Amino acid sequence: MSVEAIVESFEIAAERGDVAPAIYEAYFARCPESRELMRYVDTHMRGRMLDSVFTLLMSDEASDEFRYLQFEAAAHSSYGVLPYMYGNLLAAVEDTVRQACGNRWTPAMSDAWHARLDIVLREIRSAVEPTVA
């Protein structure tokens, strides 16, 4: 998997300005119940949350980011965040970045995003779903 392709897609998307509002719009369209959970989360905190997601997506697999992700996913379950909501958020991030890239989006970017999202979602599931002995 090429993290470089993901980084490049974020760089291209950033040329269009702040994608955060479009990401949350796409996320809430995919997952309306998340809007209710986040009703008291201000713009600054939403930005910090997305910054953490961006860092996670652009970090190497063996980094501390994955341990932090597992911690956060487990902690967020106490707020009513369900595992499928993460998939919706990550899909909204990818869709928004892809749209911002326009015709500069490449098959390598698509492959890298799909591989990375699979890894991230697997890590989230391992943190929030009980293991079967």
C-alpha atoms as a PDB file:
ATOM      1  CA  MET A   1       0.000   0.000   0.000  1.00  0.00           C
ATOM      2  CA  SER A   2       1.273   3.443  -0.892  1.00  0.00           C
ATOM      3  CA  VAL A   3       0.745   6.018   1.827  1.00  0.00           C
ATOM      4  CA  GLU A   4       2.347   8.457  -0.609  1.00  0.00           C
ATOM      5  CA  ALA A   5      -0.692   8.201  -2.886  1.00  0.00           C
ATOM      6  CA  ILE A   6      -2.975   9.069   0.026  1.00  0.00           C
ATOM      7  CA  VAL A   7      -0.780  12.005   1.003  1.00  0.00           C
ATOM      8  CA  GLU A   8      -0.775  13.206  -2.599  1.00  0.00           C
ATOM      9  CA  SER A   9      -4.586  13.034  -2.733  1.00  0.00           C
ATOM     10  CA  PHE A  10      -4.826  15.144   0.437  1.00  0.00           C
ATOM     11  CA  GLU A  11      -2.377  17.666  -1.013  1.00  0.00           C
ATOM     12  CA  ILE A  12      -4.436  17.995  -4.183  1.00  0.00           C
ATOM     13  CA  ALA A  13      -7.660  18.290  -2.186  1.00  0.00           C
ATOM     14  CA  ALA A  14      -6.099  20.996   0.000  1.00  0.00           C
ATOM     15  CA  GLU A  15      -5.555  23.128  -3.084  1.00  0.00           C
ATOM     16  CA  ARG A  16      -9.342  23.529  -3.160  1.00  0.00           C
ATOM     17  CA  GLY A  17      -9.469  24.813   0.399  1.00  0.00           C
ATOM     18  CA  ASP A  18     -10.894  23.403   3.606  1.00  0.00           C
ATOM     19  CA  VAL A  19     -12.638  20.106   2.880  1.00  0.00           C
ATOM     20  CA  ALA A  20     -13.875  19.623   6.454  1.00  0.00           C
ATOM     21  CA  PRO A  21     -17.359  21.104   5.929  1.00  0.00           C
ATOM     22  CA  ALA A  22     -17.899  18.934   2.838  1.00  0.00           C
ATOM     23  CA  ILE A  23     -16.683  15.847   4.710  1.00  0.00           C
ATOM     24  CA  TYR A  24     -19.135  16.386   7.557  1.00  0.00           C
ATOM     25  CA  GLU A  25     -21.952  17.140   5.113  1.00  0.00           C
ATOM     26  CA  ALA A  26     -21.239  13.856   3.302  1.00  0.00           C
ATOM     27  CA  TYR A  27     -20.879  12.001   6.592  1.00  0.00           C
ATOM     28  CA  PHE A  28     -24.192  13.218   7.989  1.00  0.00           C
ATOM     29  CA  ALA A  29     -25.903  12.403   4.687  1.00  0.00           C
ATOM     30  CA  ARG A  30     -24.557   8.835   4.945  1.00  0.00           C
ATOM     31  CA  CYS A  31     -25.146   8.523   8.682  1.00  0.00           C
ATOM     32  CA  PRO A  32     -27.853  10.939   9.925  1.00  0.00           C
ATOM     33  CA  GLU A  33     -27.805   9.488  13.434  1.00  0.00           C
ATOM     34  CA  SER A  34     -24.235  10.736  13.795  1.00  0.00           C
ATOM     35  CA  ARG A  35     -25.434  14.327  13.441  1.00  0.00           C
ATOM     36  CA  GLU A  36     -27.439  13.886  16.642  1.00  0.00           C
ATOM     37  CA  LEU A  37     -24.449  12.392  18.486  1.00  0.00           C
ATOM     38  CA  MET A  38     -22.296  15.337  17.401  1.00  0.00           C
ATOM     39  CA  ARG A  39     -24.815  18.117  17.977  1.00  0.00           C
ATOM     40  CA  TYR A  40     -22.762  19.624  20.812  1.00  0.00           C
ATOM     41  CA  VAL A  41     -19.383  19.190  19.136  1.00  0.00           C
ATOM     42  CA  ASP A  42     -18.193  22.595  17.959  1.00  0.00           C
ATOM     43  CA  THR A  43     -16.373  23.377  14.709  1.00  0.00           C
ATOM     44  CA  HIS A  44     -12.983  23.489  16.432  1.00  0.00           C
ATOM     45  CA  MET A  45     -13.412  20.016  17.939  1.00  0.00           C
ATOM     46  CA  ARG A  46     -14.717  18.638  14.638  1.00  0.00           C
ATOM     47  CA  GLY A  47     -11.588  20.000  13.000  1.00  0.00           C
ATOM     48  CA  ARG A  48      -9.387  18.333  15.605  1.00  0.00           C
ATOM     49  CA  MET A  49     -11.227  15.055  15.100  1.00  0.00           C
ATOM     50  CA  LEU A  50     -10.701  15.201  11.341  1.00  0.00           C
ATOM     51  CA  ASP A  51      -7.064  16.143  11.834  1.00  0.00           C
ATOM     52  CA  SER A  52      -6.648  12.928  13.825  1.00  0.00           C
ATOM     53  CA  VAL A  53      -8.355  10.969  11.044  1.00  0.00           C
ATOM     54  CA  PHE A  54      -6.112  12.558   8.415  1.00  0.00           C
ATOM     55  CA  THR A  55      -3.006  11.768  10.472  1.00  0.00           C
ATOM     56  CA  LEU A  56      -4.152   8.186  10.865  1.00  0.00           C
ATOM     57  CA  LEU A  57      -4.755   7.778   7.148  1.00  0.00           C
ATOM     58  CA  MET A  58      -1.328   9.166   6.274  1.00  0.00           C
ATOM     59  CA  SER A  59       0.669   7.313   8.964  1.00  0.00           C
ATOM     60  CA  ASP A  60       2.500   4.070   8.508  1.00  0.00           C
ATOM     61  CA  GLU A  61       0.747   0.923   9.748  1.00  0.00           C
ATOM     62  CA  ALA A  62       3.105   0.190  12.618  1.00  0.00           C
ATOM     63  CA  SER A  63       2.875   3.614  14.197  1.00  0.00           C
ATOM     64  CA  ASP A  64       1.464   4.606  17.551  1.00  0.00           C
ATOM     65  CA  GLU A  65      -1.491   6.059  15.640  1.00  0.00           C
ATOM     66  CA  PHE A  66      -3.122   2.618  15.537  1.00  0.00           C
ATOM     67  CA  ARG A  67      -2.806   2.132  19.283  1.00  0.00           C
ATOM     68  CA  TYR A  68      -4.335   5.571  19.764  1.00  0.00           C
ATOM     69  CA  LEU A  69      -7.111   4.662  17.305  1.00  0.00           C
ATOM     70  CA  GLN A  70      -7.979   1.554  19.303  1.00  0.00           C
ATOM     71  CA  PHE A  71      -8.105   3.617  22.491  1.00  0.00           C
ATOM     72  CA  GLU A  72     -10.305   6.298  20.899  1.00  0.00           C
ATOM     73  CA  ALA A  73     -12.663   3.781  19.295  1.00  0.00           C
ATOM     74  CA  ALA A  74     -13.183   2.035  22.616  1.00  0.00           C
ATOM     75  CA  ALA A  75     -13.685   5.380  24.395  1.00  0.00           C
ATOM     76  CA  HIS A  76     -16.158   6.647  21.788  1.00  0.00           C
ATOM     77  CA  SER A  77     -18.391   3.613  22.298  1.00  0.00           C
ATOM     78  CA  SER A  78     -19.378   5.160  25.647  1.00  0.00           C
ATOM     79  CA  TYR A  79     -20.832   8.112  23.696  1.00  0.00           C
ATOM     80  CA  GLY A  80     -23.001   5.795  21.617  1.00  0.00           C
ATOM     81  CA  VAL A  81     -20.697   5.635  18.599  1.00  0.00           C
ATOM     82  CA  LEU A  82     -21.276   2.348  16.808  1.00  0.00           C
ATOM     83  CA  PRO A  83     -18.689   0.555  14.650  1.00  0.00           C
ATOM     84  CA  TYR A  84     -20.538   1.134  11.361  1.00  0.00           C
ATOM     85  CA  MET A  85     -20.353   4.895  11.921  1.00  0.00           C
ATOM     86  CA  TYR A  86     -16.581   4.799  11.427  1.00  0.00           C
ATOM     87  CA  GLY A  87     -17.019   3.196   8.022  1.00  0.00           C
ATOM     88  CA  ASN A  88     -19.433   5.948   7.054  1.00  0.00           C
ATOM     89  CA  LEU A  89     -17.043   8.646   8.235  1.00  0.00           C
ATOM     90  CA  LEU A  90     -14.068   7.159   6.406  1.00  0.00           C
ATOM     91  CA  ALA A  91     -16.116   6.703   3.218  1.00  0.00           C
ATOM     92  CA  ALA A  92     -17.184  10.352   3.463  1.00  0.00           C
ATOM     93  CA  VAL A  93     -13.536  11.413   3.808  1.00  0.00           C
ATOM     94  CA  GLU A  94     -12.493   9.349   0.804  1.00  0.00           C
ATOM     95  CA  ASP A  95     -15.441  10.506  -1.327  1.00  0.00           C
ATOM     96  CA  THR A  96     -14.814  14.153  -0.493  1.00  0.00           C
ATOM     97  CA  VAL A  97     -11.089  13.943  -1.183  1.00  0.00           C
ATOM     98  CA  ARG A  98     -11.738  12.076  -4.443  1.00  0.00           C
ATOM     99  CA  GLN A  99     -14.241  14.727  -5.556  1.00  0.00           C
ATOM    100  CA  ALA A 100     -11.812  17.510  -4.636  1.00  0.00           C
ATOM    101  CA  CYS A 101      -9.082  15.809  -6.687  1.00  0.00           C
ATOM    102  CA  GLY A 102     -11.345  15.623  -9.727  1.00  0.00           C
ATOM    103  CA  ASN A 103      -9.551  14.290 -12.777  1.00  0.00           C
ATOM    104  CA  ARG A 104      -6.271  14.178 -10.823  1.00  0.00           C
ATOM    105  CA  TRP A 105      -7.555  11.192  -8.805  1.00  0.00           C
ATOM    106  CA  THR A 106      -5.623   8.110  -9.916  1.00  0.00           C
ATOM    107  CA  PRO A 107      -6.113   4.348  -9.736  1.00  0.00           C
ATOM    108  CA  ALA A 108      -3.099   4.242  -7.390  1.00  0.00           C
ATOM    109  CA  MET A 109      -4.895   6.637  -5.050  1.00  0.00           C
ATOM    110  CA  SER A 110      -8.026   4.522  -5.170  1.00  0.00           C
ATOM    111  CA  ASP A 111      -6.065   1.356  -4.395  1.00  0.00           C
ATOM    112  CA  ALA A 112      -4.171   3.031  -1.554  1.00  0.00           C
ATOM    113  CA  TRP A 113      -7.332   4.437  -0.001  1.00  0.00           C
ATOM    114  CA  HIS A 114      -9.163   1.109  -0.144  1.00  0.00           C
ATOM    115  CA  ALA A 115      -6.217  -0.750   1.375  1.00  0.00           C
ATOM    116  CA  ARG A 116      -5.792   1.833   4.137  1.00  0.00           C
ATOM    117  CA  LEU A 117      -9.497   1.986   4.985  1.00  0.00           C
ATOM    118  CA  ASP A 118      -9.598  -1.811   5.241  1.00  0.00           C
ATOM    119  CA  ILE A 119      -6.723  -1.714   7.745  1.00  0.00           C
ATOM    120  CA  VAL A 120      -8.211   1.138   9.771  1.00  0.00           C
ATOM    121  CA  LEU A 121     -11.647  -0.461   9.957  1.00  0.00           C
ATOM    122  CA  ARG A 122     -10.118  -3.780  10.996  1.00  0.00           C
ATOM    123  CA  GLU A 123      -8.280  -1.978  13.830  1.00  0.00           C
ATOM    124  CA  ILE A 124     -11.490  -0.268  14.922  1.00  0.00           C
ATOM    125  CA  ARG A 125     -13.423  -3.538  14.916  1.00  0.00           C
ATOM    126  CA  SER A 126     -10.709  -5.185  17.011  1.00  0.00           C
ATOM    127  CA  ALA A 127     -11.061  -2.414  19.583  1.00  0.00           C
ATOM    128  CA  VAL A 128     -14.840  -2.340  19.877  1.00  0.00           C
ATOM    129  CA  GLU A 129     -16.132  -5.792  19.040  1.00  0.00           C
ATOM    130  CA  PRO A 130     -15.837  -8.522  21.638  1.00  0.00           C
ATOM    131  CA  THR A 131     -13.517 -11.355  20.781  1.00  0.00           C
ATOM    132  CA  VAL A 132     -14.818 -14.901  20.643  1.00  0.00           C
ATOM    133  CA  ALA A 133     -12.796 -17.314  22.730  1.00  0.00           C
END
